[in-house]
C-alpha atoms as a PDB file:
ATOM      1  CA  UNK A   1      52.372 -21.202  -9.576  1.00  0.00           C
ATOM      2  CA  UNK A   2      51.477 -20.829  -5.913  1.00  0.00           C
ATOM      3  CA  UNK A   3      47.923 -19.789  -6.820  1.00  0.00           C
ATOM      4  CA  UNK A   4      47.586 -22.834  -9.052  1.00  0.00           C
ATOM      5  CA  UNK A   5      48.784 -25.068  -6.224  1.00  0.00           C
ATOM      6  CA  UNK A   6      46.181 -23.668  -3.825  1.00  0.00           C
ATOM      7  CA  UNK A   7      43.533 -24.017  -6.535  1.00  0.00           C
ATOM      8  CA  UNK A   8      44.571 -27.660  -6.963  1.00  0.00           C
ATOM      9  CA  UNK A   9      44.319 -28.303  -3.230  1.00  0.00           C
ATOM     10  CA  UNK A  10      40.871 -26.707  -3.047  1.00  0.00           C
ATOM     11  CA  UNK A  11      39.770 -28.638  -6.136  1.00  0.00           C
ATOM     12  CA  UNK A  12      40.952 -31.956  -4.689  1.00  0.00           C
ATOM     13  CA  UNK A  13      39.238 -31.193  -1.374  1.00  0.00           C
ATOM     14  CA  UNK A  14      35.992 -30.308  -3.139  1.00  0.00           C
ATOM     15  CA  UNK A  15      36.035 -33.478  -5.254  1.00  0.00           C
ATOM     16  CA  UNK A  16      36.849 -35.607  -2.206  1.00  0.00           C
ATOM     17  CA  UNK A  17      33.939 -34.063  -0.310  1.00  0.00           C
ATOM     18  CA  UNK A  18      31.639 -34.645  -3.292  1.00  0.00           C
ATOM     19  CA  UNK A  19      32.710 -38.290  -3.422  1.00  0.00           C
ATOM     20  CA  UNK A  20      32.010 -38.771   0.281  1.00  0.00           C
ATOM     21  CA  UNK A  21      28.582 -37.135  -0.083  1.00  0.00           C
ATOM     22  CA  UNK A  22      27.724 -39.297  -3.115  1.00  0.00           C
ATOM     23  CA  UNK A  23      28.734 -42.511  -1.339  1.00  0.00           C
ATOM     24  CA  UNK A  24      26.715 -41.623   1.749  1.00  0.00           C
ATOM     25  CA  UNK A  25      23.812 -39.892  -0.005  1.00  0.00           C
ATOM     26  CA  UNK A  26      21.259 -42.409   1.304  1.00  0.00           C
ATOM     27  CA  UNK A  27      22.425 -41.971   4.907  1.00  0.00           C
ATOM     28  CA  UNK A  28      22.292 -38.199   4.476  1.00  0.00           C
ATOM     29  CA  UNK A  29      18.790 -38.418   2.986  1.00  0.00           C
ATOM     30  CA  UNK A  30      17.504 -40.529   5.890  1.00  0.00           C
ATOM     31  CA  UNK A  31      18.873 -38.023   8.395  1.00  0.00           C
ATOM     32  CA  UNK A  32      17.416 -35.088   6.462  1.00  0.00           C
ATOM     33  CA  UNK A  33      14.010 -36.801   6.454  1.00  0.00           C
ATOM     34  CA  UNK A  34      14.279 -37.336  10.225  1.00  0.00           C
ATOM     35  CA  UNK A  35      15.130 -33.648  10.645  1.00  0.00           C
ATOM     36  CA  UNK A  36      12.091 -32.690   8.537  1.00  0.00           C
ATOM     37  CA  UNK A  37       9.846 -34.964  10.596  1.00  0.00           C
ATOM     38  CA  UNK A  38      11.158 -33.405  13.819  1.00  0.00           C
ATOM     39  CA  UNK A  39      10.566 -29.898  12.443  1.00  0.00           C
ATOM     40  CA  UNK A  40       6.990 -30.768  11.478  1.00  0.00           C
ATOM     41  CA  UNK A  41       6.359 -32.282  14.917  1.00  0.00           C
ATOM     42  CA  UNK A  42       7.671 -29.075  16.519  1.00  0.00           C
ATOM     43  CA  UNK A  43       5.377 -27.026  14.264  1.00  0.00           C
ATOM     44  CA  UNK A  44       2.408 -29.166  15.312  1.00  0.00           C
ATOM     45  CA  UNK A  45       3.238 -28.507  18.968  1.00  0.00           C
ATOM     46  CA  UNK A  46       3.472 -24.766  18.240  1.00  0.00           C
ATOM     47  CA  UNK A  47       0.053 -24.802  16.599  1.00  0.00           C
ATOM     48  CA  UNK A  48      -1.406 -26.739  19.526  1.00  0.00           C
ATOM     49  CA  UNK A  49      -0.005 -24.115  21.932  1.00  0.00           C
ATOM     50  CA  UNK A  50      -1.406 -21.292  19.781  1.00  0.00           C
ATOM     51  CA  UNK A  51      -4.838 -22.949  19.736  1.00  0.00           C
ATOM     52  CA  UNK A  52      -4.751 -23.347  23.531  1.00  0.00           C
ATOM     53  CA  UNK A  53      -3.759 -19.693  23.966  1.00  0.00           C
ATOM     54  CA  UNK A  54      -6.517 -18.603  21.619  1.00  0.00           C
ATOM     55  CA  UNK A  55      -9.052 -20.611  23.595  1.00  0.00           C
ATOM     56  CA  UNK A  56      -7.851 -18.868  26.763  1.00  0.00           C
ATOM     57  CA  UNK A  57      -8.231 -15.528  25.015  1.00  0.00           C
ATOM     58  CA  UNK A  58     -11.787 -16.430  23.960  1.00  0.00           C
ATOM     59  CA  UNK A  59     -12.618 -17.427  27.519  1.00  0.00           C
ATOM     60  CA  UNK A  60     -11.159 -14.173  28.850  1.00  0.00           C
ATOM     61  CA  UNK A  61     -13.116 -12.206  26.241  1.00  0.00           C
ATOM     62  CA  UNK A  62     -16.383 -13.805  27.318  1.00  0.00           C
ATOM     63  CA  UNK A  63     -15.657 -12.966  30.956  1.00  0.00           C
ATOM     64  CA  UNK A  64     -14.947  -9.348  30.039  1.00  0.00           C
ATOM     65  CA  UNK A  65     -18.227  -9.087  28.138  1.00  0.00           C
ATOM     66  CA  UNK A  66     -20.153 -10.424  31.148  1.00  0.00           C
ATOM     67  CA  UNK A  67     -18.370  -8.035  33.562  1.00  0.00           C
ATOM     68  CA  UNK A  68     -18.950  -5.050  31.293  1.00  0.00           C
ATOM     69  CA  UNK A  69     -22.634  -5.887  30.955  1.00  0.00           C
ATOM     70  CA  UNK A  70     -22.994  -6.242  34.714  1.00  0.00           C
ATOM     71  CA  UNK A  71     -21.162  -2.955  35.408  1.00  0.00           C
ATOM     72  CA  UNK A  72     -23.248  -1.078  32.844  1.00  0.00           C
ATOM     73  CA  UNK A  73     -26.440  -2.173  34.560  1.00  0.00           C
ATOM     74  CA  UNK A  74     -25.090  -1.164  37.983  1.00  0.00           C
ATOM     75  CA  UNK A  75     -23.830   2.168  36.634  1.00  0.00           C
ATOM     76  CA  UNK A  76     -27.267   2.965  35.228  1.00  0.00           C
ATOM     77  CA  UNK A  77     -28.729   2.182  38.645  1.00  0.00           C
ATOM     78  CA  UNK A  78     -26.193   4.498  40.311  1.00  0.00           C
ATOM     79  CA  UNK A  79     -27.064   7.322  37.898  1.00  0.00           C
ATOM     80  CA  UNK A  80     -30.752   6.803  38.574  1.00  0.00           C
ATOM     81  CA  UNK A  81     -30.055   7.002  42.307  1.00  0.00           C
ATOM     82  CA  UNK A  82     -28.057  10.204  41.895  1.00  0.00           C
ATOM     83  CA  UNK A  83     -24.741   8.624  42.951  1.00  0.00           C
ATOM     84  CA  UNK A  84     -22.778  10.485  40.309  1.00  0.00           C
ATOM     85  CA  UNK A  85     -19.328   9.995  41.820  1.00  0.00           C
ATOM     86  CA  UNK A  86     -19.821   6.236  42.088  1.00  0.00           C
ATOM     87  CA  UNK A  87     -21.262   6.179  38.582  1.00  0.00           C
ATOM     88  CA  UNK A  88     -18.161   7.982  37.198  1.00  0.00           C
ATOM     89  CA  UNK A  89     -15.851   5.496  38.927  1.00  0.00           C
ATOM     90  CA  UNK A  90     -17.836   2.637  37.406  1.00  0.00           C
ATOM     91  CA  UNK A  91     -17.756   4.325  33.976  1.00  0.00           C
ATOM     92  CA  UNK A  92     -13.955   4.583  34.151  1.00  0.00           C
ATOM     93  CA  UNK A  93     -13.774   0.879  34.985  1.00  0.00           C
ATOM     94  CA  UNK A  94     -16.095   0.086  32.088  1.00  0.00           C
ATOM     95  CA  UNK A  95     -13.919   2.091  29.696  1.00  0.00           C
ATOM     96  CA  UNK A  96     -10.818   0.194  30.864  1.00  0.00           C
ATOM     97  CA  UNK A  97     -12.574  -3.160  30.479  1.00  0.00           C
ATOM     98  CA  UNK A  98     -13.842  -2.206  27.016  1.00  0.00           C
ATOM     99  CA  UNK A  99     -10.288  -1.397  25.945  1.00  0.00           C
ATOM    100  CA  UNK A 100      -9.169  -4.769  27.262  1.00  0.00           C
ATOM    101  CA  UNK A 101     -12.106  -6.436  25.468  1.00  0.00           C
ATOM    102  CA  UNK A 102     -11.189  -4.793  22.169  1.00  0.00           C
ATOM    103  CA  UNK A 103      -7.554  -5.827  22.582  1.00  0.00           C
ATOM    104  CA  UNK A 104      -8.692  -9.400  23.263  1.00  0.00           C
ATOM    105  CA  UNK A 105     -10.843  -9.350  20.145  1.00  0.00           C
ATOM    106  CA  UNK A 106      -7.867  -8.221  18.033  1.00  0.00           C
ATOM    107  CA  UNK A 107      -5.677 -10.873  19.625  1.00  0.00           C
ATOM    108  CA  UNK A 108      -8.244 -13.550  18.734  1.00  0.00           C
ATOM    109  CA  UNK A 109      -8.241 -12.403  15.112  1.00  0.00           C
ATOM    110  CA  UNK A 110      -4.435 -12.527  15.011  1.00  0.00           C
ATOM    111  CA  UNK A 111      -4.388 -15.962  16.638  1.00  0.00           C
ATOM    112  CA  UNK A 112      -7.003 -17.326  14.229  1.00  0.00           C
ATOM    113  CA  UNK A 113      -5.190 -15.982  11.167  1.00  0.00           C
ATOM    114  CA  UNK A 114      -1.825 -17.297  12.326  1.00  0.00           C
ATOM    115  CA  UNK A 115      -3.245 -20.682  13.303  1.00  0.00           C
ATOM    116  CA  UNK A 116      -4.840 -21.168   9.890  1.00  0.00           C
ATOM    117  CA  UNK A 117      -1.608 -20.135   8.176  1.00  0.00           C
ATOM    118  CA  UNK A 118       0.430 -22.577  10.260  1.00  0.00           C
ATOM    119  CA  UNK A 119      -2.062 -25.368   9.633  1.00  0.00           C
ATOM    120  CA  UNK A 120      -1.743 -24.861   5.865  1.00  0.00           C
ATOM    121  CA  UNK A 121       2.040 -24.896   6.107  1.00  0.00           C
ATOM    122  CA  UNK A 122       1.955 -28.109   8.155  1.00  0.00           C
ATOM    123  CA  UNK A 123      -0.426 -29.828   5.731  1.00  0.00           C
ATOM    124  CA  UNK A 124       1.805 -28.987   2.770  1.00  0.00           C
ATOM    125  CA  UNK A 125       4.923 -29.988   4.723  1.00  0.00           C
ATOM    126  CA  UNK A 126       3.384 -33.321   5.706  1.00  0.00           C
ATOM    127  CA  UNK A 127       2.525 -34.069   2.072  1.00  0.00           C
ATOM    128  CA  UNK A 128       6.089 -33.256   1.013  1.00  0.00           C
ATOM    129  CA  UNK A 129       7.475 -35.379   3.856  1.00  0.00           C
ATOM    130  CA  UNK A 130       5.372 -38.396   2.798  1.00  0.00           C
ATOM    131  CA  UNK A 131       6.601 -37.947  -0.768  1.00  0.00           C
ATOM    132  CA  UNK A 132      10.184 -37.833   0.494  1.00  0.00           C
ATOM    133  CA  UNK A 133       9.640 -40.999   2.541  1.00  0.00           C
ATOM    134  CA  UNK A 134       8.218 -42.828  -0.482  1.00  0.00           C
ATOM    135  CA  UNK A 135      11.131 -41.668  -2.601  1.00  0.00           C
ATOM    136  CA  UNK A 136      13.581 -42.737   0.097  1.00  0.00           C
ATOM    137  CA  UNK A 137      12.144 -46.258   0.148  1.00  0.00           C
ATOM    138  CA  UNK A 138      12.464 -46.493  -3.641  1.00  0.00           C
ATOM    139  CA  UNK A 139      16.060 -45.245  -3.788  1.00  0.00           C
ATOM    140  CA  UNK A 140      16.967 -47.539  -0.875  1.00  0.00           C
ATOM    141  CA  UNK A 141      15.708 -50.558  -2.838  1.00  0.00           C
ATOM    142  CA  UNK A 142      17.549 -49.423  -5.974  1.00  0.00           C
ATOM    143  CA  UNK A 143      20.704 -48.785  -3.955  1.00  0.00           C
ATOM    144  CA  UNK A 144      20.589 -52.320  -2.515  1.00  0.00           C
ATOM    145  CA  UNK A 145      20.351 -53.917  -5.957  1.00  0.00           C
ATOM    146  CA  UNK A 146      23.089 -51.678  -7.324  1.00  0.00           C
ATOM    147  CA  UNK A 147      25.398 -52.542  -4.447  1.00  0.00           C
ATOM    148  CA  UNK A 148      24.720 -56.237  -5.083  1.00  0.00           C
ATOM    149  CA  UNK A 149      25.715 -55.827  -8.721  1.00  0.00           C
ATOM    150  CA  UNK A 150      28.813 -53.850  -7.813  1.00  0.00           C
ATOM    151  CA  UNK A 151      29.993 -56.249  -5.102  1.00  0.00           C
ATOM    152  CA  UNK A 152      29.455 -59.454  -7.117  1.00  0.00           C
ATOM    153  CA  UNK A 153      28.743 -58.785 -10.780  1.00  0.00           C
ATOM    154  CA  UNK A 154      26.862 -61.653 -12.349  1.00  0.00           C
ATOM    155  CA  UNK A 155      27.033 -63.753  -9.191  1.00  0.00           C
ATOM    156  CA  UNK A 156      23.262 -64.292  -9.029  1.00  0.00           C
ATOM    157  CA  UNK A 157      23.042 -65.350 -12.670  1.00  0.00           C
ATOM    158  CA  UNK A 158      26.088 -67.567 -12.226  1.00  0.00           C
ATOM    159  CA  UNK A 159      24.518 -69.294  -9.226  1.00  0.00           C
ATOM    160  CA  UNK A 160      21.334 -69.934 -11.197  1.00  0.00           C
ATOM    161  CA  UNK A 161      23.305 -71.395 -14.068  1.00  0.00           C
ATOM    162  CA  UNK A 162      25.291 -73.660 -11.734  1.00  0.00           C
ATOM    163  CA  UNK A 163      22.083 -74.906 -10.097  1.00  0.00           C
ATOM    164  CA  UNK A 164      20.541 -75.655 -13.496  1.00  0.00           C
ATOM    165  CA  UNK A 165      23.610 -77.622 -14.559  1.00  0.00           C
ATOM    166  CA  UNK A 166      23.542 -79.626 -11.320  1.00  0.00           C
ATOM    167  CA  UNK A 167      19.851 -80.444 -11.835  1.00  0.00           C
ATOM    168  CA  UNK A 168      20.571 -81.546 -15.402  1.00  0.00           C
ATOM    169  CA  UNK A 169      23.395 -83.841 -14.218  1.00  0.00           C
ATOM    170  CA  UNK A 170      21.102 -85.386 -11.590  1.00  0.00           C
ATOM    171  CA  UNK A 171      18.354 -86.042 -14.114  1.00  0.00           C
ATOM    172  CA  UNK A 172      20.826 -87.489 -16.616  1.00  0.00           C
ATOM    173  CA  UNK A 173      22.278 -89.733 -13.912  1.00  0.00           C
ATOM    174  CA  UNK A 174      18.822 -90.954 -12.886  1.00  0.00           C
ATOM    175  CA  UNK A 175      17.942 -91.750 -16.512  1.00  0.00           C
ATOM    176  CA  UNK A 176      21.182 -93.706 -16.871  1.00  0.00           C
ATOM    177  CA  UNK A 177      20.402 -95.709 -13.726  1.00  0.00           C
ATOM    178  CA  UNK A 178      16.864 -96.479 -14.958  1.00  0.00           C
ATOM    179  CA  UNK A 179      18.145 -97.494 -18.400  1.00  0.00           C
ATOM    180  CA  UNK A 180      20.808 -99.737 -16.853  1.00  0.00           C
ATOM    181  CA  UNK A 181      18.242-101.417 -14.609  1.00  0.00           C
ATOM    182  CA  UNK A 182      15.909-101.996 -17.554  1.00  0.00           C
ATOM    183  CA  UNK A 183      18.749-103.442 -19.622  1.00  0.00           C
ATOM    184  CA  UNK A 184      19.768-105.770 -16.790  1.00  0.00           C
ATOM    185  CA  UNK A 185      16.166-106.951 -16.383  1.00  0.00           C
ATOM    186  CA  UNK A 186      15.931-107.562 -20.138  1.00  0.00           C
ATOM    187  CA  UNK A 187      19.151-109.536 -20.113  1.00  0.00           C
ATOM    188  CA  UNK A 188      17.978-111.640 -17.176  1.00  0.00           C
ATOM    189  CA  UNK A 189      14.652-112.395 -18.851  1.00  0.00           C
ATOM    190  CA  UNK A 190      16.220-113.264 -22.204  1.00  0.00           C
ATOM    191  CA  UNK A 191      17.919-116.328 -20.716  1.00  0.00           C
ATOM    192  CA  UNK A 192      14.956-117.430 -18.605  1.00  0.00           C
ATOM    193  CA  UNK A 193      12.729-120.077 -20.259  1.00  0.00           C
ATOM    194  CA  UNK A 194       9.778-119.100 -18.060  1.00  0.00           C
ATOM    195  CA  UNK A 195      10.061-115.486 -19.133  1.00  0.00           C
ATOM    196  CA  UNK A 196      10.185-116.548 -22.800  1.00  0.00           C
ATOM    197  CA  UNK A 197       7.077-118.659 -22.297  1.00  0.00           C
ATOM    198  CA  UNK A 198       5.261-115.725 -20.691  1.00  0.00           C
ATOM    199  CA  UNK A 199       6.175-113.489 -23.651  1.00  0.00           C
ATOM    200  CA  UNK A 200       4.885-116.105 -26.120  1.00  0.00           C
ATOM    201  CA  UNK A 201       1.663-116.605 -24.154  1.00  0.00           C
ATOM    202  CA  UNK A 202       1.102-112.854 -23.921  1.00  0.00           C
ATOM    203  CA  UNK A 203       1.553-112.642 -27.692  1.00  0.00           C
ATOM    204  CA  UNK A 204      -1.220-115.279 -28.185  1.00  0.00           C
ATOM    205  CA  UNK A 205       1.123-118.115 -29.043  1.00  0.00           C
ATOM    206  CA  UNK A 206      -0.310-121.158 -27.336  1.00  0.00           C
ATOM    207  CA  UNK A 207      -2.527-121.439 -24.272  1.00  0.00           C
ATOM    208  CA  UNK A 208      -2.373-118.638 -21.735  1.00  0.00           C
ATOM    209  CA  UNK A 209      -0.324-119.344 -18.639  1.00  0.00           C
ATOM    210  CA  UNK A 210      -2.669-117.458 -16.335  1.00  0.00           C
ATOM    211  CA  UNK A 211      -6.443-117.390 -16.162  1.00  0.00           C
ATOM    212  CA  UNK A 212      -8.054-114.260 -17.445  1.00  0.00           C
ATOM    213  CA  UNK A 213     -11.266-112.740 -16.116  1.00  0.00           C
ATOM    214  CA  UNK A 214     -13.102-113.866 -19.281  1.00  0.00           C
ATOM    215  CA  UNK A 215     -11.856-117.392 -18.836  1.00  0.00           C
ATOM    216  CA  UNK A 216     -13.010-117.457 -15.222  1.00  0.00           C
ATOM    217  CA  UNK A 217     -16.477-116.181 -16.151  1.00  0.00           C
ATOM    218  CA  UNK A 218     -16.755-118.736 -18.970  1.00  0.00           C
ATOM    219  CA  UNK A 219     -15.758-121.565 -16.637  1.00  0.00           C
ATOM    220  CA  UNK A 220     -18.216-120.504 -13.936  1.00  0.00           C
ATOM    221  CA  UNK A 221     -21.040-120.176 -16.498  1.00  0.00           C
ATOM    222  CA  UNK A 222     -20.414-123.706 -17.746  1.00  0.00           C
ATOM    223  CA  UNK A 223     -20.412-124.998 -14.164  1.00  0.00           C
ATOM    224  CA  UNK A 224     -23.786-123.336 -13.500  1.00  0.00           C
ATOM    225  CA  UNK A 225     -25.232-124.803 -16.739  1.00  0.00           C
ATOM    226  CA  UNK A 226     -24.136-128.323 -15.839  1.00  0.00           C
ATOM    227  CA  UNK A 227     -25.580-128.043 -12.331  1.00  0.00           C
ATOM    228  CA  UNK A 228     -29.004-127.127 -13.728  1.00  0.00           C
END
C-alpha cells in the first residue's frame, strides 16, 4: 500500500508538471529560441576568434619563411668564407626555425579545417533557428485565437449578430418614418383643392397650370412671326 501511495504522489506530481509545461509551452518555446540564438551568436564569435588566430598564424609563418631564407643565404656566405663555427650556429638556428615553420603550417591546416566545420554547423543552425522562429510566430497566432475562443466562446459571432440586428432595426425604423411622412403628405394634398387641380393638370385634364418649355418656345415663335 505504501508503494502505491508513493507511486500516486509521483504520478500526480508528474501530471501537474506536464500541465504547467503545456499551459506555458509558448513561453518556454520563446525562451528556448532565445537560448538557441545566444548559442549561435557565441559560436559566431568563436569562429571569428579562430579566423583571427589563423590569420596571425599565417602572418607568423610568412615571417618565418623570410627569416629562414635570409639565414640560409648568410650561412652559405659563411661557409664560403670558411667560418664553419658561425655557419654551424646559423644552421642550428635554421633547423629550429624550420621546425617552428612546419608546426605553424600544421596549425594553419587545423585552423582551416576547424573553421570550415564550424561555419557549416553555424549555417545549419541558423537555418534551423529561422525555421523555429517562423514556427513560433505561427503557433503564437494560433494560440491567440484559441485563447479567444476559450475565454469567450462565440462572443465574436454573437457581437456580429447583435450589430446586424441593430442595423436592421435602424433601417426598418427609417422606412417607417419615410412611409409615415409620405402618408401625411398624401393626406394633406388630398384635401387641398390646389393640389387636386395640379394632379388633374398633370394628367392632361384641362389647361396646364404652369408653362412648359414647348409652350414658351411656341409663344416666342409666334411673337417673332408677328413682328416680321
